[in-house]
Protein backbone atom coordinates (compact mmCIF):
# COMPACT_ATOMS: atom_id res chain seq x y z
CA MET A 1 101.92 106.89 96.21
CA LYS A 2 102.70 104.78 93.14
CA LYS A 3 105.19 102.68 94.74
CA LEU A 4 102.42 101.03 97.44
CA ILE A 5 101.04 98.23 96.75
CA ALA A 6 97.62 96.88 98.35
CA VAL A 7 97.63 96.84 101.90
CA LEU A 8 94.73 96.45 104.09
CA LEU A 9 92.73 92.93 104.43
CA VAL A 10 89.56 94.03 103.86
CA VAL A 11 86.94 95.87 101.52
CA CYS A 12 87.00 99.38 99.96
CA LEU A 13 90.53 99.69 100.91
CA VAL A 14 92.85 102.28 99.08
CA PHE A 15 91.24 104.87 97.43
CA ALA A 16 92.10 107.81 95.08
CA GLY A 17 90.75 110.61 97.24
CA ALA A 18 87.54 111.34 97.58
CA ILE A 19 86.10 111.37 94.18
CA GLY A 20 87.81 108.91 93.08
CA TYR A 21 86.32 106.86 96.09
CA ILE A 22 82.70 107.77 94.96
CA SER A 23 83.58 105.66 91.23
CA HIS A 24 85.49 102.84 92.81
CA LYS A 25 83.48 99.51 92.01
CA ASN A 26 84.17 97.48 94.98
CA ASP A 27 85.53 94.01 94.38
CA GLN A 28 84.16 92.06 96.30
CA ILE A 29 80.50 92.68 94.55
CA GLN A 30 82.65 91.58 91.45
CA ALA A 31 83.76 88.53 93.38
CA GLY A 32 80.36 88.01 94.42
CA GLU A 33 78.68 86.82 92.03
CA ALA A 34 80.66 85.03 89.01
CA SER A 35 80.08 86.66 85.75
CA PRO A 36 78.60 84.73 83.15
CA ALA A 37 79.97 84.22 79.72
CA PRO A 38 78.89 87.18 77.26
CA VAL A 39 76.12 86.56 75.14
CA GLU A 40 75.99 87.97 71.40
CA THR A 41 71.99 89.32 71.93
CA PRO A 42 71.49 92.47 73.26
CA ALA A 43 70.22 92.31 76.73
CA ALA A 44 66.18 93.46 75.84
CA GLU A 45 66.42 90.29 73.21
CA ALA A 46 67.96 88.00 76.02
CA SER A 47 64.73 88.39 78.16
CA ALA A 48 60.85 88.66 77.33
CA GLN A 49 60.42 91.22 80.01
CA PRO A 50 62.39 94.64 81.00
CA ILE A 51 64.45 94.41 83.87
CA THR A 52 63.65 97.27 86.52
CA ILE A 53 66.55 97.91 88.73
CA LYS A 54 65.12 99.08 92.44
CA THR A 55 67.42 101.68 93.63
CA LEU A 56 67.61 103.44 97.06
CA ASP A 57 65.32 106.65 98.28
CA TYR A 58 68.61 108.33 99.12
CA ASP A 59 66.71 111.63 100.66
CA LEU A 60 64.05 109.64 102.72
CA LEU A 61 66.83 107.88 104.01
CA TYR A 62 69.15 110.80 104.69
CA ALA A 63 66.03 112.50 106.32
CA LYS A 64 66.08 110.31 108.61
CA TYR A 65 68.38 112.06 111.12
CA GLU A 66 70.30 114.97 111.27
CA PRO A 67 73.56 115.14 109.97
CA GLU A 68 75.63 116.55 113.23
CA GLN A 69 73.68 113.77 114.79
CA PRO A 70 76.52 111.22 116.12
CA VAL A 71 75.39 107.40 115.11
CA VAL A 72 78.93 105.21 115.28
CA THR A 73 81.38 104.81 117.74
CA ILE A 74 84.74 103.43 116.44
CA GLY A 75 87.06 103.21 119.70
CA GLU A 76 86.50 106.28 121.50
CA GLU A 77 85.76 108.39 118.26
CA GLU A 78 82.03 109.75 117.37
CA VAL A 79 80.66 109.26 113.18
CA THR A 80 78.24 111.45 112.53
CA TRP A 81 75.19 110.60 110.38
CA GLU A 82 77.14 113.01 107.29
CA GLU A 83 79.98 110.80 107.59
CA TYR A 84 78.08 107.09 107.88
CA PHE A 85 75.15 108.14 105.46
CA TYR A 86 77.66 109.30 102.32
CA MET A 87 79.99 105.86 102.78
CA LEU A 88 76.59 103.89 102.78
CA PHE A 89 75.45 105.87 99.80
CA THR A 90 78.94 104.75 98.09
CA GLN A 91 78.72 101.20 98.91
CA ALA A 92 75.15 101.16 97.67
CA ARG A 93 75.65 102.68 94.57
CA GLN A 94 78.26 100.31 93.66
CA VAL A 95 75.75 97.77 93.92
CA THR A 96 73.29 99.34 92.09
CA ASP A 97 76.05 100.29 89.01
CA TYR A 98 76.57 96.26 89.59
CA PHE A 99 72.86 95.39 88.91
CA SER A 100 72.74 97.61 86.00
CA ALA A 101 75.72 96.59 84.28
CA MET A 102 75.05 92.74 84.94
CA ALA A 103 71.16 93.78 83.36
CA SER A 104 72.14 95.98 80.34
CA TYR A 105 75.21 93.37 78.91
CA TYR A 106 73.74 89.94 80.35
CA GLY A 107 69.91 90.04 80.47
CA ILE A 108 70.40 89.62 84.40
CA ALA A 109 67.98 90.18 87.49
CA GLN A 110 69.11 90.62 90.69
CA ASN A 111 67.41 91.92 93.68
CA TRP A 112 68.50 93.68 96.58
CA ASP A 113 67.91 90.22 99.23
CA ASP A 114 69.34 87.90 96.62
CA PHE A 115 72.41 86.36 98.16
CA MET A 116 75.87 87.62 97.48
CA ASP A 117 78.29 84.88 98.06
CA GLU A 118 77.23 80.92 97.28
CA GLU A 119 77.15 79.78 100.88
CA GLY A 120 74.33 82.14 100.67
CA THR A 121 75.04 83.85 104.12
CA THR A 122 75.17 88.01 102.73
CA THR A 123 72.62 89.61 100.63
CA TYR A 124 73.74 92.42 98.71
CA ALA A 125 71.28 95.06 100.98
CA GLN A 126 73.69 93.75 104.18
CA PHE A 127 76.43 93.63 101.94
CA VAL A 128 75.83 97.45 101.93
CA VAL A 129 75.94 97.88 105.16
CA ASP A 130 78.41 95.94 106.19
CA SER A 131 81.35 97.14 104.15
CA THR A 132 79.86 100.72 105.29
CA GLU A 133 81.16 99.53 108.89
CA SER A 134 83.99 98.30 106.92
CA ALA A 135 85.26 101.20 105.53
CA LEU A 136 84.54 103.32 108.51
CA THR A 137 86.86 101.65 110.93
CA GLN A 138 89.55 101.54 108.30
CA LEU A 139 89.31 104.96 107.79
CA ALA A 140 89.76 104.86 111.85
CA ALA A 141 92.66 102.34 111.63
CA ILE A 142 94.95 104.40 109.50
CA GLU A 143 94.14 107.62 111.95
CA ARG A 144 95.01 105.59 114.74
CA PHE A 145 97.87 104.17 113.06
CA ALA A 146 99.53 107.72 112.75
CA ARG A 147 98.61 108.61 115.76
CA GLU A 148 100.41 105.78 117.62
CA ASN A 149 103.82 105.95 115.12
CA GLY A 150 103.80 110.00 115.39
CA VAL A 151 102.98 109.86 111.56
CA ALA A 152 102.32 113.46 110.45
CA LEU A 153 101.90 115.62 106.99
CA THR A 154 104.23 116.95 105.42
CA GLU A 155 104.39 119.86 103.07
CA GLU A 156 104.47 117.92 100.18
CA ASN A 157 101.43 115.77 101.03
CA ALA A 158 99.64 119.60 101.91
CA ALA A 159 100.49 120.26 97.82
CA ALA A 160 99.63 117.18 96.63
CA LEU A 161 96.43 118.01 98.25
CA GLU A 162 95.40 121.09 96.45
CA GLU A 163 96.44 119.56 93.63
CA GLN A 164 94.00 117.03 94.32
CA ARG A 165 91.65 119.67 94.77
CA LYS A 166 92.29 121.62 91.78
CA SER A 167 92.03 118.31 89.84
CA ASP A 168 88.55 117.41 91.15
CA ILE A 169 86.98 120.92 90.51
CA ALA A 170 88.10 120.43 87.06
CA ALA A 171 86.91 116.73 86.79
CA THR A 172 83.72 117.14 88.09
CA CYS A 173 82.65 121.21 87.16
CA GLY A 174 84.53 121.99 83.86
CA ALA A 175 87.73 124.48 83.87
CA ASP A 176 86.23 127.60 84.98
CA GLY A 177 84.42 125.48 87.73
CA THR A 178 84.65 127.79 91.10
CA GLU A 179 84.74 126.69 95.16
CA GLU A 180 80.89 127.44 95.12
CA ASP A 181 80.25 125.20 91.87
CA PHE A 182 81.92 122.33 93.19
CA GLU A 183 80.42 122.17 97.25
CA GLU A 184 77.34 122.46 95.07
CA TYR A 185 78.53 118.99 93.17
CA LEU A 186 79.53 117.52 96.44
CA SER A 187 75.93 118.00 97.87
CA THR A 188 74.77 115.64 94.91
CA ILE A 189 76.14 113.32 96.35
CA TYR A 190 75.79 113.82 100.06
CA MET A 191 79.07 115.18 100.78
CA THR A 192 80.16 118.13 102.46
CA ARG A 193 83.59 119.97 101.66
CA GLU A 194 84.50 119.17 105.22
CA LEU A 195 84.24 115.34 104.48
CA TYR A 196 85.55 115.60 101.22
CA ASP A 197 88.85 117.25 102.29
CA ARG A 198 89.21 114.87 105.37
CA ILE A 199 88.86 111.75 102.80
CA ASN A 200 91.20 113.46 101.27
CA MET A 201 93.38 113.76 104.10
CA LEU A 202 93.45 110.72 104.75
CA ASN A 203 94.42 109.18 101.79
CA GLN A 204 97.80 111.02 102.11
CA LEU A 205 97.54 110.09 105.48
CA TYR A 206 97.79 106.27 104.42
CA GLN A 207 100.38 106.83 102.36
CA GLN A 208 102.35 108.68 104.50
CA ASN A 209 102.14 106.03 107.06
CA TYR A 210 104.36 104.14 104.80
CA ILE A 211 106.87 106.23 103.67
CA GLN A 212 107.80 107.47 107.01
CA ILE A 213 108.54 104.22 108.56
CA TYR A 214 109.52 102.13 105.32
CA GLY A 215 110.61 104.95 102.87
CA GLU A 216 109.27 105.74 99.50
CA ASN A 217 110.27 102.56 97.79
CA GLY A 218 110.98 100.36 101.43
CA GLU A 219 114.14 101.63 101.15
CA LEU A 220 114.20 102.11 105.54
CA TYR A 221 112.57 98.04 105.61
CA SER A 222 116.06 96.21 107.18
CA ASP A 223 117.87 93.61 104.39
CA GLU A 224 117.41 90.90 107.86
CA ALA A 225 113.57 91.99 107.81
CA ALA A 226 113.34 91.69 103.88
CA LEU A 227 115.56 88.19 103.77
CA LYS A 228 113.40 87.11 106.56
CA TYR A 229 110.67 87.53 104.61
CA LEU A 230 111.82 85.68 101.60
CA LYS A 231 113.00 82.51 103.32
CA ASP A 232 109.42 82.26 105.60
CA GLY A 233 107.50 82.33 101.93
CA GLN A 234 109.69 79.66 100.29
CA TYR A 235 111.30 82.35 97.62
CA ILE A 236 113.53 80.98 94.89
CA SER A 237 115.72 82.99 92.75
CA ALA A 238 117.01 81.56 89.35
CA GLY A 239 117.94 82.56 86.18
CA HIS A 240 117.55 80.74 83.32
CA ILE A 241 118.29 80.35 79.46
CA LEU A 242 115.46 79.26 77.21
CA LEU A 243 115.74 77.86 73.90
CA MET A 244 112.18 77.55 72.41
CA THR A 245 110.48 74.55 71.27
CA THR A 246 107.81 76.28 69.98
CA ASP A 247 107.45 78.96 66.74
CA PRO A 248 106.65 82.30 69.50
CA ALA A 249 104.72 83.42 66.64
CA THR A 250 102.40 80.64 65.97
CA GLY A 251 102.49 78.59 69.06
CA GLN A 252 103.42 75.80 67.04
CA ALA A 253 105.84 72.74 68.08
CA LEU A 254 108.90 72.99 66.32
CA ASP A 255 109.75 69.88 63.96
CA GLU A 256 112.02 67.20 65.36
CA ASP A 257 115.16 68.21 63.85
CA ALA A 258 114.85 72.26 65.24
CA ALA A 259 113.80 70.81 68.38
CA ALA A 260 116.92 68.49 68.67
CA ALA A 261 119.28 71.43 67.30
CA LYS A 262 117.77 73.69 70.78
CA LYS A 263 118.47 70.45 72.88
CA ALA A 264 122.07 70.24 71.58
CA SER A 265 122.93 73.92 71.88
CA ALA A 266 121.51 73.58 75.53
CA GLU A 267 123.10 70.51 76.11
CA LYS A 268 126.66 73.10 75.21
CA ILE A 269 125.82 75.68 77.29
CA ALA A 270 125.07 74.13 80.43
CA ALA A 271 127.92 72.04 79.47
CA GLU A 272 130.07 75.31 79.41
CA LEU A 273 129.12 77.10 82.50
CA GLN A 274 129.09 73.64 84.90
CA ALA A 275 132.40 74.30 84.24
CA ILE A 276 133.31 77.81 86.05
CA GLU A 277 133.73 77.53 89.28
CA ASP A 278 134.18 81.28 90.33
CA PRO A 279 130.75 82.64 90.91
CA GLU A 280 131.76 85.91 89.76
CA ALA A 281 133.18 84.58 86.18
CA LEU A 282 130.42 82.22 86.23
CA LEU A 283 127.40 84.70 85.87
CA ALA A 284 129.07 87.21 83.81
CA ARG A 285 129.67 84.02 81.39
CA PHE A 286 126.15 83.59 81.91
CA ALA A 287 124.95 86.75 80.97
CA GLU A 288 126.86 86.95 77.87
CA LEU A 289 125.36 83.53 76.79
CA LYS A 290 121.71 84.71 77.83
CA GLU A 291 121.80 87.99 75.81
CA GLU A 292 122.82 85.48 72.62
CA TYR A 293 120.82 82.73 73.03
CA CYS A 294 117.64 83.32 75.47
CA GLU A 295 114.32 83.16 73.63
CA ASP A 296 112.81 84.43 77.36
CA THR A 297 110.38 87.06 76.73
CA GLY A 298 110.46 88.13 80.23
CA LYS A 299 114.37 88.22 80.22
CA THR A 300 114.08 92.25 79.36
CA SER A 301 111.86 92.78 82.50
CA PHE A 302 113.70 90.25 84.58
CA PRO A 303 117.24 90.63 83.77
CA ASP A 304 118.70 89.88 86.90
CA GLY A 305 116.22 86.06 86.72
CA TYR A 306 113.41 85.31 88.71
CA THR A 307 112.45 85.54 92.35
CA PHE A 308 109.22 83.58 92.85
CA THR A 309 107.20 81.39 95.26
CA PRO A 310 106.28 77.45 94.83
CA GLY A 311 103.64 77.23 92.23
CA THR A 312 104.05 80.06 90.77
CA MET A 313 106.13 78.55 87.63
CA VAL A 314 105.96 75.32 85.24
CA ALA A 315 106.62 72.32 87.21
CA GLU A 316 109.87 71.29 85.59
CA PHE A 317 111.24 74.99 86.23
CA GLU A 318 110.96 74.98 89.89
CA ASP A 319 111.59 71.38 90.51
CA ALA A 320 114.72 71.90 88.77
CA CYS A 321 115.53 75.00 90.72
CA SER A 322 115.00 73.16 94.02
CA ALA A 323 117.16 70.88 93.38
CA LEU A 324 120.61 72.87 92.88
CA ALA A 325 122.20 74.90 95.47
CA GLU A 326 123.40 78.64 95.07
CA TYR A 327 125.54 79.21 91.93
CA GLN A 328 125.37 75.35 90.67
CA VAL A 329 124.05 74.98 86.87
CA SER A 330 121.51 72.75 86.12
CA GLU A 331 121.28 70.46 82.75
CA PRO A 332 118.78 71.36 80.38
CA VAL A 333 115.39 70.80 81.54
CA LYS A 334 112.25 70.82 79.59
CA SER A 335 109.13 71.79 80.32
CA SER A 336 106.36 72.75 77.67
CA PHE A 337 108.40 76.09 76.46
CA GLY A 338 111.67 74.19 75.39
CA TYR A 339 114.75 73.75 76.95
CA HIS A 340 115.85 75.68 80.41
CA VAL A 341 119.65 76.11 81.52
CA ILE A 342 119.09 77.15 85.26
CA ILE A 343 121.13 79.01 87.79
CA ARG A 344 120.00 78.73 90.88
CA LEU A 345 120.80 82.44 92.73
CA PRO A 346 121.24 83.71 96.33
CA LEU A 347 118.01 85.54 97.34
CA ASP A 348 118.55 89.40 96.73
CA VAL A 349 116.32 91.48 98.69
CA ASP A 350 116.25 94.49 96.34
CA LYS A 351 116.17 92.06 92.84
CA VAL A 352 112.52 93.25 91.23
CA MET A 353 109.80 90.59 91.69
CA GLU A 354 106.93 91.85 89.96
CA TYR A 355 105.54 95.12 89.10
CA SER A 356 102.60 96.98 89.98
CA GLU A 357 99.34 98.30 88.26
CA ASP A 358 101.28 101.31 87.00
CA GLY A 359 104.48 99.28 85.79
CA THR A 360 106.60 100.46 88.72
CA ALA A 361 109.38 97.69 89.67
CA LEU A 362 108.65 96.13 93.15
CA SER A 363 111.62 95.26 94.67
CA ALA A 364 111.67 92.05 97.50
CA ARG A 365 112.16 94.55 100.00
CA SER A 366 109.54 97.09 98.93
CA ILE A 367 106.98 94.17 98.73
CA ALA A 368 108.41 92.78 101.96
CA ALA A 369 107.95 96.52 103.76
CA ASN A 370 104.45 96.57 102.40
CA ALA A 371 103.34 92.98 103.71
CA GLU A 372 104.46 94.82 107.10
CA TYR A 373 102.80 97.29 107.15
CA GLY A 374 99.33 95.87 106.01
CA SER A 375 100.03 93.22 108.58
CA ARG A 376 100.70 96.40 111.10
CA LEU A 377 97.34 98.02 109.94
CA GLN A 378 95.57 95.35 110.45
CA SER A 379 96.48 94.84 113.80
CA VAL A 380 95.09 98.15 114.75
CA LEU A 381 91.90 97.43 112.75
CA ASP A 382 91.61 94.17 114.90
CA THR A 383 91.28 96.68 117.80
CA LEU A 384 88.67 98.76 116.80
CA SER A 385 84.83 98.00 117.92
CA LEU A 386 82.29 99.72 115.88
CA SER A 387 78.81 100.48 117.82
CA TYR A 388 75.74 102.04 116.91
CA VAL A 389 74.82 104.76 119.54
CA GLU A 390 71.60 104.81 121.58
CA GLY A 391 68.68 106.04 119.40
CA PHE A 392 70.11 104.45 115.68
CA GLU A 393 68.55 102.22 113.98
CA LYS A 394 70.69 99.58 112.04
CA ILE A 395 69.74 100.84 108.51
CA ASN A 396 67.85 97.95 106.66
CA ILE A 397 68.38 98.60 102.59
CA LEU A 398 64.95 96.78 102.09
CA ASP A 399 63.14 99.60 103.80
CA TYR A 400 64.10 102.52 101.38
CA LEU A 401 64.11 100.94 97.94
CA LYS A 402 61.84 102.66 95.38
């Protein structure tokens, strides 16, 4: 679902199906170690000794238990070694890829027993096990959320699953790949067809939870709840007409005469707008003057102004907005960008607030709905506890390195 933004608050969250999941780079790995500045010399020249990256002996570890043996219980559900191992495999391979990237690009050697956080509490080896547990618990939370809220997959979800399967077969086995070819490929990443189908099903269920309760774009989320979300978050809505005092092409400040002319124009615009008492007429004239004078590059993406939280805009702009009443127009406000003529606007839950990674416009309503969905999913997650079954030893990655 393109409109959906991130919701769960722990690692390994939104995954684009089983095949996408295996190649997904875990953000915590990237954040756990601050990336050094790029070096000019190749890694081979930066290091006197070739860097050896230790990897897990996956076959040896996989053979430790039978695939169908229950190893973990989450809530009332059992997780087999097959499913547990696949998740462990994906986490370990992400760490290995990260080690390889750091060695190749920066000449930096990292080991599994190194700490990945500044506090020195979690090694990379421990992270793999912890994130495996988190991933399994998150999958269980998605499924339980659906059961508790009466959410079921639709024919549209079934069609999406079929398209995902065809796409994955073509991507991994070529245009002429068969089901048998695909299952053979899956075995190379320690995955069965049943597990592949389950992960893709849960991906669709994760999205369907949101759609059924909140609508495709959050349209089922109430005005009252969305407005409360904005007020609780201290959101402010405002429009402005910006007359820049820097050259947009070079970033250089305009000369004194040019800057003074911009200020005079801003004062004239502010005076005209402040004289209009009717809100409807004021907004209409503001839109005309904005189209004629505003030099803000964001005016196309945000034609109705900005809705923002404290600390996200330049201080002069935010301070002026906070001092205004609804439909009040400011005197020209000077910032590093130039002169702003600002109008404070009422909060609008359907106004575009930001854009998702794929460029989809996200309204305040959809963002508020996503925030609630995330909170409700987290509440379900908090009720689930993971425990290892008797006879299963919690994996120590360091015992299986080669």
